[in-house]
Amino acid sequence: MPLPKTFSVPASQEQQGDQLPIFLTPLVPTDAQAVHAIISTDKHLADMTVVIPWPYTLSDAQGFIEFATGAAAAAEDVDHPETSSTIYAIRLGDPESALVGCIEVEVRPILQGACSLATNPYPGRTWTEWLPGYWLDRQVRGQGIMTRVIGRIKELAADDACVARVRIDCFAENPASRKVAERAGFQLEGLIRNSAARGGVIKDTYQLSWIPPSRHE
C-alpha cells in the first residue's frame, strides 16, 4: 500500500488548547525560500544528516525540492510499491502555511529467504521496513511536533499489512533525534559502529525500531 500524498496529525483531545494540527504535504517550488532560510542558518542541523551540504544555498534548496518531486512520482510506480521514498513538508495549523520541517519516509524490502507456496502463510507478500528521516526548524523544536508526526507514521505503518517494522537511524552524537524516536515508542536496537559518514568522517549511528503490534508473531 503506497504512502498517502498528504495526511494530518490532529491535536490531541487533552491538549487541543496548546496544540496546532500538523499537516504533511508535498513540497512545492515556493517552499525553496523557507527550506533555505531554515537550513542555511543552522549548521548543526546539516551536520546531523548525511546528505545536507554546507554551506547551504538557495540552489541546494531548489534541487532538494526537485528531488522530492521526482521521488514522489517514482513512489506512484505500482509495479514496485515496496521500494519508494516520499518526502513531506511539515506545516503547522494550515496545509497552506510555511513549512517548519521535512520528513522523508523511505520504504525498503527486507531480506527474505526462499519459501515454497505450500508453506508460506503470506503468498505474494513482500515484507518491507519504513525508514523515517527528519529535520525541524530550531524555532519550533521542543514542542513535541516531531514526536506527533512519528506517531502518525506508526499508525500508517500498522495499517499496511506488509510493513514488518519502522526503523530510525541517527548519529550517535545526535541525542535529540534519538529522544524523538524513544518518546514515540521506538526501542533502541544498538550502536552500529562506523555505519555512516559525514564530510569524509566515519561515524557511529544508533538504530531504533518499532514493530507493529500484529507483526510480533
N, C-alpha and C. Protein backbone atom coordinates (compact mmCIF):
# COMPACT_ATOMS: atom_id res chain seq x y z
N MET A 1 0.85 -1.19 0.00
CA MET A 1 0.00 0.00 0.00
C MET A 1 0.89 1.24 0.00
N PRO A 2 0.79 2.12 -1.00
CA PRO A 2 1.64 3.31 -1.05
C PRO A 2 1.30 4.29 0.05
N LEU A 3 2.27 5.09 0.43
CA LEU A 3 2.02 6.14 1.41
C LEU A 3 1.07 7.19 0.82
N PRO A 4 0.25 7.80 1.66
CA PRO A 4 -0.66 8.84 1.15
C PRO A 4 0.14 10.07 0.69
N LYS A 5 -0.43 10.81 -0.26
CA LYS A 5 0.24 12.03 -0.73
C LYS A 5 0.24 13.10 0.35
N THR A 6 -0.83 13.17 1.12
CA THR A 6 -0.94 14.12 2.21
C THR A 6 -1.61 13.43 3.39
N PHE A 7 -1.32 13.89 4.59
CA PHE A 7 -2.05 13.44 5.77
C PHE A 7 -1.86 14.46 6.87
N SER A 8 -2.63 14.31 7.92
CA SER A 8 -2.57 15.29 9.00
C SER A 8 -2.46 14.60 10.35
N VAL A 9 -2.03 15.38 11.34
CA VAL A 9 -1.94 14.91 12.72
C VAL A 9 -2.80 15.86 13.55
N PRO A 10 -3.97 15.43 13.98
CA PRO A 10 -4.84 16.34 14.74
C PRO A 10 -4.27 16.62 16.12
N ALA A 11 -4.71 17.70 16.73
CA ALA A 11 -4.37 17.98 18.12
C ALA A 11 -5.03 16.92 18.99
N SER A 12 -4.35 16.54 20.07
CA SER A 12 -4.92 15.53 20.95
C SER A 12 -6.12 16.10 21.69
N GLN A 13 -7.03 15.24 22.10
CA GLN A 13 -8.22 15.68 22.81
C GLN A 13 -7.85 16.40 24.11
N GLU A 14 -6.77 15.95 24.76
CA GLU A 14 -6.39 16.51 26.06
C GLU A 14 -5.70 17.88 25.92
N GLN A 15 -5.05 18.13 24.76
CA GLN A 15 -4.22 19.33 24.66
C GLN A 15 -4.60 20.21 23.47
N GLN A 16 -5.84 20.20 23.07
CA GLN A 16 -6.23 20.97 21.91
C GLN A 16 -5.98 22.47 22.09
N GLY A 17 -6.01 22.95 23.32
CA GLY A 17 -5.78 24.37 23.53
C GLY A 17 -4.33 24.77 23.30
N ASP A 18 -3.39 23.82 23.41
CA ASP A 18 -1.97 24.13 23.29
C ASP A 18 -1.36 23.63 21.99
N GLN A 19 -2.07 22.82 21.25
CA GLN A 19 -1.51 22.21 20.06
C GLN A 19 -2.19 22.71 18.80
N LEU A 20 -1.40 22.80 17.73
CA LEU A 20 -1.94 23.05 16.41
C LEU A 20 -1.96 21.74 15.64
N PRO A 21 -2.94 21.55 14.76
CA PRO A 21 -2.88 20.38 13.89
C PRO A 21 -1.65 20.47 12.99
N ILE A 22 -1.13 19.34 12.61
CA ILE A 22 0.05 19.27 11.75
C ILE A 22 -0.37 18.68 10.41
N PHE A 23 0.09 19.29 9.34
CA PHE A 23 -0.23 18.81 8.00
C PHE A 23 1.05 18.38 7.30
N LEU A 24 1.02 17.19 6.72
CA LEU A 24 2.13 16.66 5.94
C LEU A 24 1.71 16.70 4.47
N THR A 25 2.40 17.50 3.69
CA THR A 25 2.00 17.74 2.30
C THR A 25 3.22 17.62 1.38
N PRO A 26 2.98 17.51 0.07
CA PRO A 26 4.12 17.52 -0.86
C PRO A 26 4.84 18.86 -0.82
N LEU A 27 6.12 18.83 -1.10
CA LEU A 27 6.89 20.05 -1.29
C LEU A 27 6.53 20.68 -2.63
N VAL A 28 6.52 22.00 -2.68
CA VAL A 28 6.25 22.73 -3.90
C VAL A 28 7.38 23.74 -4.12
N PRO A 29 7.56 24.22 -5.36
CA PRO A 29 8.69 25.12 -5.64
C PRO A 29 8.77 26.34 -4.73
N THR A 30 7.64 26.86 -4.30
CA THR A 30 7.66 28.05 -3.44
C THR A 30 8.18 27.75 -2.03
N ASP A 31 8.37 26.47 -1.69
CA ASP A 31 8.94 26.12 -0.38
C ASP A 31 10.45 26.35 -0.33
N ALA A 32 11.07 26.59 -1.47
CA ALA A 32 12.53 26.69 -1.50
C ALA A 32 13.06 27.78 -0.57
N GLN A 33 12.38 28.91 -0.52
CA GLN A 33 12.84 30.01 0.33
C GLN A 33 12.83 29.61 1.80
N ALA A 34 11.76 28.94 2.23
CA ALA A 34 11.68 28.53 3.64
C ALA A 34 12.71 27.47 3.96
N VAL A 35 12.89 26.50 3.08
CA VAL A 35 13.90 25.46 3.29
C VAL A 35 15.28 26.09 3.43
N HIS A 36 15.58 27.02 2.53
CA HIS A 36 16.88 27.69 2.57
C HIS A 36 17.05 28.50 3.85
N ALA A 37 16.02 29.23 4.24
CA ALA A 37 16.11 30.07 5.44
C ALA A 37 16.36 29.24 6.69
N ILE A 38 15.73 28.07 6.78
CA ILE A 38 15.89 27.22 7.96
C ILE A 38 17.28 26.59 8.01
N ILE A 39 17.69 25.99 6.90
CA ILE A 39 18.92 25.20 6.92
C ILE A 39 20.17 26.06 6.84
N SER A 40 20.14 27.13 6.06
CA SER A 40 21.35 27.93 5.85
C SER A 40 21.81 28.66 7.10
N THR A 41 20.95 28.76 8.10
CA THR A 41 21.31 29.43 9.35
C THR A 41 21.50 28.45 10.51
N ASP A 42 21.56 27.15 10.19
CA ASP A 42 21.63 26.14 11.25
C ASP A 42 22.60 25.04 10.84
N LYS A 43 23.89 25.30 11.01
CA LYS A 43 24.91 24.33 10.61
C LYS A 43 24.77 23.02 11.38
N HIS A 44 24.33 23.08 12.63
CA HIS A 44 24.16 21.86 13.42
C HIS A 44 23.15 20.93 12.76
N LEU A 45 22.07 21.50 12.22
CA LEU A 45 21.06 20.69 11.54
C LEU A 45 21.72 19.93 10.38
N ALA A 46 22.49 20.65 9.56
CA ALA A 46 23.15 19.99 8.43
C ALA A 46 24.14 18.93 8.91
N ASP A 47 24.88 19.23 9.97
CA ASP A 47 25.90 18.30 10.47
C ASP A 47 25.31 17.00 11.00
N MET A 48 24.05 17.02 11.38
CA MET A 48 23.41 15.83 11.92
C MET A 48 22.75 14.97 10.84
N THR A 49 23.00 15.29 9.57
CA THR A 49 22.48 14.49 8.47
C THR A 49 23.64 14.00 7.60
N VAL A 50 23.36 13.03 6.78
CA VAL A 50 24.37 12.51 5.86
C VAL A 50 24.41 13.33 4.57
N VAL A 51 23.27 13.83 4.13
CA VAL A 51 23.17 14.35 2.76
C VAL A 51 23.09 15.87 2.62
N ILE A 52 22.75 16.62 3.67
CA ILE A 52 22.58 18.07 3.51
C ILE A 52 23.95 18.74 3.43
N PRO A 53 24.23 19.47 2.34
CA PRO A 53 25.55 20.11 2.20
C PRO A 53 25.66 21.36 3.07
N TRP A 54 26.92 21.77 3.25
CA TRP A 54 27.18 23.03 3.97
C TRP A 54 28.38 23.72 3.33
N PRO A 55 28.31 25.01 3.03
CA PRO A 55 27.15 25.91 3.21
C PRO A 55 25.95 25.46 2.38
N TYR A 56 24.78 25.93 2.77
CA TYR A 56 23.54 25.53 2.11
C TYR A 56 22.99 26.74 1.35
N THR A 57 22.83 26.59 0.04
CA THR A 57 22.42 27.70 -0.82
C THR A 57 20.96 27.56 -1.24
N LEU A 58 20.43 28.63 -1.81
CA LEU A 58 19.08 28.57 -2.36
C LEU A 58 19.01 27.56 -3.49
N SER A 59 20.07 27.45 -4.26
CA SER A 59 20.12 26.44 -5.32
C SER A 59 20.03 25.02 -4.75
N ASP A 60 20.66 24.80 -3.58
CA ASP A 60 20.55 23.50 -2.92
C ASP A 60 19.10 23.21 -2.54
N ALA A 61 18.42 24.22 -2.01
CA ALA A 61 17.02 24.04 -1.62
C ALA A 61 16.15 23.73 -2.83
N GLN A 62 16.39 24.43 -3.92
CA GLN A 62 15.62 24.18 -5.14
C GLN A 62 15.89 22.77 -5.67
N GLY A 63 17.14 22.34 -5.61
CA GLY A 63 17.47 20.99 -6.04
C GLY A 63 16.82 19.93 -5.17
N PHE A 64 16.77 20.20 -3.86
CA PHE A 64 16.11 19.28 -2.93
C PHE A 64 14.63 19.11 -3.28
N ILE A 65 13.96 20.20 -3.60
CA ILE A 65 12.55 20.13 -3.93
C ILE A 65 12.34 19.41 -5.26
N GLU A 66 13.22 19.62 -6.21
CA GLU A 66 13.14 18.88 -7.47
C GLU A 66 13.31 17.38 -7.22
N PHE A 67 14.26 17.04 -6.34
CA PHE A 67 14.46 15.63 -6.00
C PHE A 67 13.22 15.05 -5.33
N ALA A 68 12.63 15.80 -4.40
CA ALA A 68 11.44 15.33 -3.69
C ALA A 68 10.29 15.11 -4.66
N THR A 69 10.14 16.00 -5.64
CA THR A 69 9.08 15.86 -6.62
C THR A 69 9.29 14.60 -7.47
N GLY A 70 10.53 14.35 -7.85
CA GLY A 70 10.83 13.14 -8.60
C GLY A 70 10.61 11.88 -7.80
N ALA A 71 10.97 11.93 -6.51
CA ALA A 71 10.76 10.77 -5.64
C ALA A 71 9.27 10.47 -5.49
N ALA A 72 8.45 11.53 -5.40
CA ALA A 72 7.01 11.35 -5.27
C ALA A 72 6.44 10.67 -6.51
N ALA A 73 6.94 11.07 -7.69
CA ALA A 73 6.47 10.45 -8.92
C ALA A 73 6.87 8.98 -8.98
N ALA A 74 8.10 8.67 -8.55
CA ALA A 74 8.57 7.29 -8.55
C ALA A 74 7.78 6.43 -7.56
N ALA A 75 7.36 7.04 -6.44
CA ALA A 75 6.62 6.29 -5.42
C ALA A 75 5.26 5.84 -5.93
N GLU A 76 4.78 6.45 -6.99
CA GLU A 76 3.49 6.06 -7.56
C GLU A 76 3.61 4.88 -8.51
N ASP A 77 4.82 4.34 -8.67
CA ASP A 77 5.04 3.19 -9.53
C ASP A 77 4.40 1.96 -8.89
N VAL A 78 3.26 1.56 -9.37
CA VAL A 78 2.51 0.47 -8.74
C VAL A 78 3.20 -0.88 -8.93
N ASP A 79 4.17 -0.95 -9.87
CA ASP A 79 4.88 -2.21 -10.09
C ASP A 79 5.90 -2.49 -9.00
N HIS A 80 6.33 -1.43 -8.29
CA HIS A 80 7.33 -1.61 -7.24
C HIS A 80 6.96 -0.82 -5.99
N PRO A 81 5.82 -1.10 -5.37
CA PRO A 81 5.40 -0.34 -4.20
C PRO A 81 6.28 -0.58 -2.99
N GLU A 82 7.09 -1.67 -3.03
CA GLU A 82 7.91 -2.00 -1.87
C GLU A 82 9.22 -1.21 -1.85
N THR A 83 9.49 -0.39 -2.85
CA THR A 83 10.70 0.42 -2.89
C THR A 83 10.31 1.84 -3.29
N SER A 84 10.38 2.77 -2.36
CA SER A 84 9.99 4.14 -2.67
C SER A 84 10.56 5.08 -1.62
N SER A 85 10.47 6.38 -1.93
CA SER A 85 10.87 7.42 -1.00
C SER A 85 9.88 8.57 -1.15
N THR A 86 9.26 8.96 -0.05
CA THR A 86 8.29 10.05 -0.07
C THR A 86 8.73 11.12 0.92
N ILE A 87 8.83 12.36 0.45
CA ILE A 87 9.28 13.47 1.28
C ILE A 87 8.12 14.43 1.48
N TYR A 88 7.84 14.74 2.74
CA TYR A 88 6.73 15.62 3.10
C TYR A 88 7.24 16.93 3.70
N ALA A 89 6.55 18.00 3.38
CA ALA A 89 6.71 19.25 4.14
C ALA A 89 5.86 19.16 5.40
N ILE A 90 6.38 19.66 6.50
CA ILE A 90 5.64 19.69 7.76
C ILE A 90 5.12 21.11 7.96
N ARG A 91 3.81 21.26 8.07
CA ARG A 91 3.19 22.58 8.18
C ARG A 91 2.29 22.60 9.41
N LEU A 92 2.28 23.70 10.13
CA LEU A 92 1.51 23.83 11.36
C LEU A 92 0.26 24.65 11.14
N GLY A 93 -0.87 24.12 11.62
CA GLY A 93 -2.10 24.89 11.66
C GLY A 93 -2.90 24.93 10.40
N ASP A 94 -2.23 24.90 9.24
CA ASP A 94 -2.92 25.05 7.96
C ASP A 94 -2.10 24.36 6.87
N PRO A 95 -2.74 23.62 5.97
CA PRO A 95 -1.97 22.93 4.93
C PRO A 95 -1.29 23.87 3.94
N GLU A 96 -1.64 25.16 3.98
CA GLU A 96 -1.02 26.14 3.09
C GLU A 96 0.03 26.99 3.80
N SER A 97 0.28 26.73 5.08
CA SER A 97 1.23 27.56 5.83
C SER A 97 2.67 27.23 5.43
N ALA A 98 3.59 28.10 5.81
CA ALA A 98 5.01 27.88 5.52
C ALA A 98 5.49 26.63 6.25
N LEU A 99 6.36 25.87 5.59
CA LEU A 99 6.85 24.65 6.22
C LEU A 99 7.77 24.98 7.39
N VAL A 100 7.81 24.08 8.37
CA VAL A 100 8.72 24.22 9.51
C VAL A 100 9.69 23.05 9.59
N GLY A 101 9.61 22.14 8.64
CA GLY A 101 10.49 20.99 8.62
C GLY A 101 10.10 20.04 7.52
N CYS A 102 10.82 18.93 7.46
CA CYS A 102 10.52 17.90 6.46
C CYS A 102 10.73 16.53 7.08
N ILE A 103 10.04 15.56 6.52
CA ILE A 103 10.28 14.17 6.88
C ILE A 103 10.23 13.33 5.62
N GLU A 104 11.23 12.49 5.46
CA GLU A 104 11.27 11.53 4.36
C GLU A 104 10.96 10.15 4.92
N VAL A 105 10.11 9.40 4.24
CA VAL A 105 9.84 8.02 4.61
C VAL A 105 10.29 7.14 3.45
N GLU A 106 11.38 6.43 3.68
CA GLU A 106 11.89 5.51 2.67
C GLU A 106 11.32 4.12 2.94
N VAL A 107 10.85 3.47 1.90
CA VAL A 107 10.31 2.11 2.00
C VAL A 107 11.29 1.17 1.33
N ARG A 108 11.74 0.15 2.07
CA ARG A 108 12.69 -0.82 1.53
C ARG A 108 12.18 -2.24 1.77
N PRO A 109 12.42 -3.14 0.83
CA PRO A 109 12.12 -4.55 1.11
C PRO A 109 13.12 -5.10 2.11
N ILE A 110 12.69 -5.98 2.98
CA ILE A 110 13.63 -6.60 3.92
C ILE A 110 14.05 -7.96 3.37
N LEU A 111 15.19 -8.45 3.85
CA LEU A 111 15.74 -9.71 3.38
C LEU A 111 14.77 -10.84 3.66
N GLN A 112 14.51 -11.63 2.63
CA GLN A 112 13.56 -12.73 2.78
C GLN A 112 14.15 -13.99 2.16
N GLY A 113 14.03 -15.10 2.88
CA GLY A 113 14.52 -16.37 2.37
C GLY A 113 13.52 -17.03 1.44
N ALA A 114 13.98 -18.02 0.72
CA ALA A 114 13.10 -18.76 -0.19
C ALA A 114 12.12 -19.60 0.61
N CYS A 115 10.91 -19.69 0.11
CA CYS A 115 9.87 -20.46 0.80
C CYS A 115 8.86 -20.93 -0.23
N SER A 116 8.48 -22.18 -0.17
CA SER A 116 7.52 -22.67 -1.14
C SER A 116 6.14 -22.11 -0.85
N LEU A 117 5.30 -22.02 -1.88
CA LEU A 117 3.95 -21.52 -1.69
C LEU A 117 3.16 -22.39 -0.73
N ALA A 118 3.54 -23.66 -0.66
CA ALA A 118 2.79 -24.58 0.21
C ALA A 118 3.01 -24.26 1.67
N THR A 119 4.18 -23.68 2.02
CA THR A 119 4.47 -23.41 3.43
C THR A 119 4.44 -21.94 3.78
N ASN A 120 4.35 -21.06 2.79
CA ASN A 120 4.34 -19.62 3.04
C ASN A 120 2.94 -19.18 3.44
N PRO A 121 2.75 -18.69 4.68
CA PRO A 121 1.41 -18.26 5.10
C PRO A 121 0.98 -16.95 4.46
N TYR A 122 1.93 -16.24 3.81
CA TYR A 122 1.61 -14.96 3.18
C TYR A 122 2.07 -14.96 1.72
N PRO A 123 1.49 -15.82 0.86
CA PRO A 123 1.95 -15.87 -0.53
C PRO A 123 1.77 -14.53 -1.23
N GLY A 124 2.79 -14.12 -1.97
CA GLY A 124 2.72 -12.89 -2.72
C GLY A 124 3.06 -11.64 -1.93
N ARG A 125 3.32 -11.76 -0.63
CA ARG A 125 3.61 -10.59 0.19
C ARG A 125 5.11 -10.32 0.21
N THR A 126 5.47 -9.06 -0.01
CA THR A 126 6.85 -8.61 0.16
C THR A 126 6.93 -7.77 1.42
N TRP A 127 7.64 -8.29 2.41
CA TRP A 127 7.77 -7.55 3.67
C TRP A 127 8.67 -6.34 3.47
N THR A 128 8.31 -5.24 4.10
CA THR A 128 9.08 -4.01 3.98
C THR A 128 9.39 -3.42 5.35
N GLU A 129 10.35 -2.49 5.35
CA GLU A 129 10.58 -1.66 6.53
C GLU A 129 10.51 -0.21 6.08
N TRP A 130 10.01 0.64 6.96
CA TRP A 130 9.95 2.08 6.70
C TRP A 130 11.06 2.75 7.48
N LEU A 131 11.72 3.71 6.83
CA LEU A 131 12.83 4.43 7.47
C LEU A 131 12.55 5.93 7.41
N PRO A 132 11.98 6.50 8.47
CA PRO A 132 11.78 7.95 8.50
C PRO A 132 13.09 8.68 8.82
N GLY A 133 13.30 9.78 8.11
CA GLY A 133 14.40 10.70 8.42
C GLY A 133 13.84 12.10 8.45
N TYR A 134 14.24 12.94 9.40
CA TYR A 134 13.51 14.18 9.61
C TYR A 134 14.41 15.31 10.09
N TRP A 135 13.94 16.53 9.85
CA TRP A 135 14.57 17.73 10.44
C TRP A 135 13.49 18.77 10.69
N LEU A 136 13.77 19.64 11.63
CA LEU A 136 12.78 20.63 12.07
C LEU A 136 13.46 21.96 12.34
N ASP A 137 12.78 23.04 12.02
CA ASP A 137 13.25 24.39 12.31
C ASP A 137 13.51 24.51 13.81
N ARG A 138 14.67 25.04 14.19
CA ARG A 138 15.00 25.15 15.62
C ARG A 138 14.02 26.06 16.37
N GLN A 139 13.32 26.94 15.64
CA GLN A 139 12.36 27.84 16.28
C GLN A 139 11.15 27.09 16.85
N VAL A 140 10.89 25.88 16.38
CA VAL A 140 9.71 25.14 16.86
C VAL A 140 10.08 23.81 17.50
N ARG A 141 11.35 23.59 17.75
CA ARG A 141 11.75 22.36 18.43
C ARG A 141 11.33 22.40 19.89
N GLY A 142 11.25 21.25 20.50
CA GLY A 142 10.89 21.16 21.91
C GLY A 142 9.41 21.27 22.18
N GLN A 143 8.58 21.21 21.14
CA GLN A 143 7.13 21.30 21.30
C GLN A 143 6.43 19.96 21.04
N GLY A 144 7.21 18.91 20.82
CA GLY A 144 6.62 17.60 20.58
C GLY A 144 6.09 17.40 19.17
N ILE A 145 6.42 18.31 18.27
CA ILE A 145 5.89 18.23 16.90
C ILE A 145 6.35 16.96 16.20
N MET A 146 7.66 16.69 16.23
CA MET A 146 8.15 15.53 15.50
C MET A 146 7.71 14.23 16.14
N THR A 147 7.58 14.21 17.45
CA THR A 147 7.07 13.01 18.12
C THR A 147 5.66 12.70 17.66
N ARG A 148 4.84 13.72 17.50
CA ARG A 148 3.47 13.53 17.00
C ARG A 148 3.48 13.04 15.56
N VAL A 149 4.37 13.59 14.74
CA VAL A 149 4.45 13.16 13.34
C VAL A 149 4.86 11.69 13.26
N ILE A 150 5.88 11.31 14.04
CA ILE A 150 6.33 9.92 14.04
C ILE A 150 5.21 8.99 14.53
N GLY A 151 4.45 9.46 15.51
CA GLY A 151 3.31 8.67 15.98
C GLY A 151 2.31 8.39 14.88
N ARG A 152 2.07 9.39 14.04
CA ARG A 152 1.14 9.20 12.91
C ARG A 152 1.74 8.25 11.87
N ILE A 153 3.06 8.34 11.65
CA ILE A 153 3.73 7.41 10.74
C ILE A 153 3.54 5.97 11.24
N LYS A 154 3.63 5.77 12.54
CA LYS A 154 3.42 4.44 13.11
C LYS A 154 2.00 3.94 12.81
N GLU A 155 1.01 4.81 12.91
CA GLU A 155 -0.36 4.40 12.61
C GLU A 155 -0.50 3.98 11.16
N LEU A 156 0.11 4.72 10.25
CA LEU A 156 0.05 4.35 8.84
C LEU A 156 0.75 3.01 8.60
N ALA A 157 1.88 2.81 9.27
CA ALA A 157 2.60 1.54 9.12
C ALA A 157 1.78 0.37 9.64
N ALA A 158 1.09 0.57 10.76
CA ALA A 158 0.26 -0.50 11.33
C ALA A 158 -0.88 -0.88 10.39
N ASP A 159 -1.35 0.09 9.59
CA ASP A 159 -2.45 -0.18 8.66
C ASP A 159 -1.99 -0.88 7.39
N ASP A 160 -0.68 -0.93 7.17
CA ASP A 160 -0.13 -1.57 5.97
C ASP A 160 0.35 -2.97 6.36
N ALA A 161 -0.32 -3.99 5.86
CA ALA A 161 -0.03 -5.37 6.28
C ALA A 161 1.35 -5.85 5.85
N CYS A 162 2.03 -5.11 4.98
CA CYS A 162 3.35 -5.54 4.51
C CYS A 162 4.50 -4.94 5.31
N VAL A 163 4.21 -4.04 6.23
CA VAL A 163 5.29 -3.38 6.99
C VAL A 163 5.68 -4.25 8.18
N ALA A 164 6.92 -4.72 8.16
CA ALA A 164 7.41 -5.56 9.26
C ALA A 164 7.92 -4.72 10.42
N ARG A 165 8.47 -3.54 10.11
CA ARG A 165 8.98 -2.67 11.17
C ARG A 165 9.22 -1.27 10.62
N VAL A 166 9.33 -0.32 11.54
CA VAL A 166 9.72 1.05 11.22
C VAL A 166 11.05 1.29 11.93
N ARG A 167 12.01 1.83 11.20
CA ARG A 167 13.37 1.97 11.73
C ARG A 167 13.84 3.41 11.63
N ILE A 168 14.48 3.90 12.68
CA ILE A 168 15.08 5.24 12.68
C ILE A 168 16.56 5.10 13.00
N ASP A 169 17.39 5.70 12.14
CA ASP A 169 18.83 5.76 12.37
C ASP A 169 19.22 7.21 12.64
N CYS A 170 20.14 7.41 13.55
CA CYS A 170 20.65 8.76 13.81
C CYS A 170 22.09 8.67 14.27
N PHE A 171 22.86 9.73 14.03
CA PHE A 171 24.23 9.75 14.50
C PHE A 171 24.26 9.60 16.02
N ALA A 172 25.27 8.91 16.51
CA ALA A 172 25.40 8.73 17.96
C ALA A 172 25.55 10.06 18.68
N GLU A 173 26.05 11.09 17.97
CA GLU A 173 26.23 12.42 18.57
C GLU A 173 24.98 13.28 18.44
N ASN A 174 23.85 12.67 18.10
CA ASN A 174 22.59 13.41 17.92
C ASN A 174 21.54 12.91 18.91
N PRO A 175 21.71 13.22 20.20
CA PRO A 175 20.77 12.70 21.20
C PRO A 175 19.34 13.21 21.01
N ALA A 176 19.17 14.39 20.43
CA ALA A 176 17.82 14.93 20.26
C ALA A 176 16.99 14.05 19.33
N SER A 177 17.60 13.58 18.24
CA SER A 177 16.87 12.73 17.31
C SER A 177 16.55 11.38 17.96
N ARG A 178 17.49 10.87 18.73
CA ARG A 178 17.23 9.60 19.43
C ARG A 178 16.08 9.77 20.43
N LYS A 179 16.04 10.90 21.13
CA LYS A 179 14.96 11.13 22.10
C LYS A 179 13.60 11.22 21.42
N VAL A 180 13.56 11.84 20.23
CA VAL A 180 12.30 11.89 19.48
C VAL A 180 11.78 10.48 19.23
N ALA A 181 12.67 9.60 18.77
CA ALA A 181 12.26 8.23 18.48
C ALA A 181 11.81 7.50 19.74
N GLU A 182 12.56 7.68 20.83
CA GLU A 182 12.21 6.98 22.07
C GLU A 182 10.89 7.49 22.64
N ARG A 183 10.65 8.80 22.55
CA ARG A 183 9.36 9.33 23.03
C ARG A 183 8.20 8.82 22.18
N ALA A 184 8.49 8.49 20.92
CA ALA A 184 7.45 7.97 20.04
C ALA A 184 7.26 6.46 20.19
N GLY A 185 7.99 5.85 21.12
CA GLY A 185 7.78 4.43 21.40
C GLY A 185 8.74 3.49 20.71
N PHE A 186 9.82 4.01 20.15
CA PHE A 186 10.81 3.16 19.50
C PHE A 186 11.78 2.60 20.53
N GLN A 187 12.27 1.40 20.27
CA GLN A 187 13.24 0.75 21.15
C GLN A 187 14.62 0.79 20.51
N LEU A 188 15.63 1.01 21.34
CA LEU A 188 17.00 1.05 20.86
C LEU A 188 17.45 -0.36 20.51
N GLU A 189 17.87 -0.54 19.24
CA GLU A 189 18.43 -1.84 18.81
C GLU A 189 19.90 -1.93 19.18
N GLY A 190 20.60 -0.78 19.08
CA GLY A 190 22.01 -0.81 19.46
C GLY A 190 22.81 0.27 18.75
N LEU A 191 24.08 0.32 19.08
CA LEU A 191 25.03 1.22 18.45
C LEU A 191 25.66 0.50 17.28
N ILE A 192 25.53 1.08 16.08
CA ILE A 192 26.09 0.47 14.87
C ILE A 192 27.37 1.24 14.54
N ARG A 193 28.50 0.61 14.74
CA ARG A 193 29.78 1.30 14.62
C ARG A 193 30.18 1.51 13.16
N ASN A 194 30.78 2.69 12.90
CA ASN A 194 31.29 3.03 11.56
C ASN A 194 30.28 2.74 10.46
N SER A 195 29.05 3.20 10.66
CA SER A 195 27.97 2.84 9.74
C SER A 195 27.50 3.97 8.84
N ALA A 196 28.08 5.18 9.00
CA ALA A 196 27.71 6.31 8.16
C ALA A 196 28.88 7.28 8.11
N ALA A 197 28.83 8.17 7.13
CA ALA A 197 29.91 9.15 7.00
C ALA A 197 29.33 10.52 6.72
N ARG A 198 30.00 11.54 7.25
CA ARG A 198 29.62 12.93 7.01
C ARG A 198 30.89 13.73 6.72
N GLY A 199 30.96 14.33 5.55
CA GLY A 199 32.13 15.11 5.20
C GLY A 199 33.41 14.29 5.22
N GLY A 200 33.33 13.02 4.86
CA GLY A 200 34.50 12.16 4.83
C GLY A 200 34.88 11.56 6.17
N VAL A 201 34.15 11.92 7.22
CA VAL A 201 34.43 11.40 8.57
C VAL A 201 33.45 10.26 8.87
N ILE A 202 33.98 9.11 9.21
CA ILE A 202 33.13 7.96 9.52
C ILE A 202 32.55 8.11 10.92
N LYS A 203 31.29 7.71 11.07
CA LYS A 203 30.59 7.94 12.33
C LYS A 203 29.80 6.70 12.75
N ASP A 204 29.55 6.61 14.06
CA ASP A 204 28.66 5.58 14.60
C ASP A 204 27.22 6.10 14.55
N THR A 205 26.29 5.17 14.46
CA THR A 205 24.88 5.55 14.50
C THR A 205 24.13 4.68 15.50
N TYR A 206 23.05 5.24 16.02
CA TYR A 206 22.10 4.45 16.80
C TYR A 206 21.00 3.99 15.86
N GLN A 207 20.55 2.77 16.07
CA GLN A 207 19.41 2.25 15.32
C GLN A 207 18.28 1.93 16.31
N LEU A 208 17.11 2.47 16.03
CA LEU A 208 15.93 2.24 16.85
C LEU A 208 14.81 1.70 15.98
N SER A 209 13.92 0.92 16.55
CA SER A 209 12.86 0.35 15.74
C SER A 209 11.55 0.24 16.52
N TRP A 210 10.48 0.17 15.77
CA TRP A 210 9.15 -0.07 16.31
C TRP A 210 8.49 -1.13 15.45
N ILE A 211 7.88 -2.12 16.10
CA ILE A 211 7.23 -3.23 15.41
C ILE A 211 5.73 -3.08 15.53
N PRO A 212 5.00 -3.05 14.42
CA PRO A 212 3.52 -3.01 14.51
C PRO A 212 3.00 -4.17 15.35
N PRO A 213 2.02 -3.93 16.21
CA PRO A 213 1.57 -4.96 17.15
C PRO A 213 1.25 -6.31 16.52
N SER A 214 0.63 -6.32 15.35
CA SER A 214 0.23 -7.59 14.75
C SER A 214 1.39 -8.33 14.10
N ARG A 215 2.59 -7.74 14.09
CA ARG A 215 3.75 -8.37 13.48
C ARG A 215 4.71 -8.96 14.51
N HIS A 216 4.25 -9.12 15.74
CA HIS A 216 5.11 -9.66 16.80
C HIS A 216 5.21 -11.17 16.76
N GLU A 217 4.38 -11.81 15.94
CA GLU A 217 4.38 -13.29 15.94
C GLU A 217 5.62 -13.84 15.31
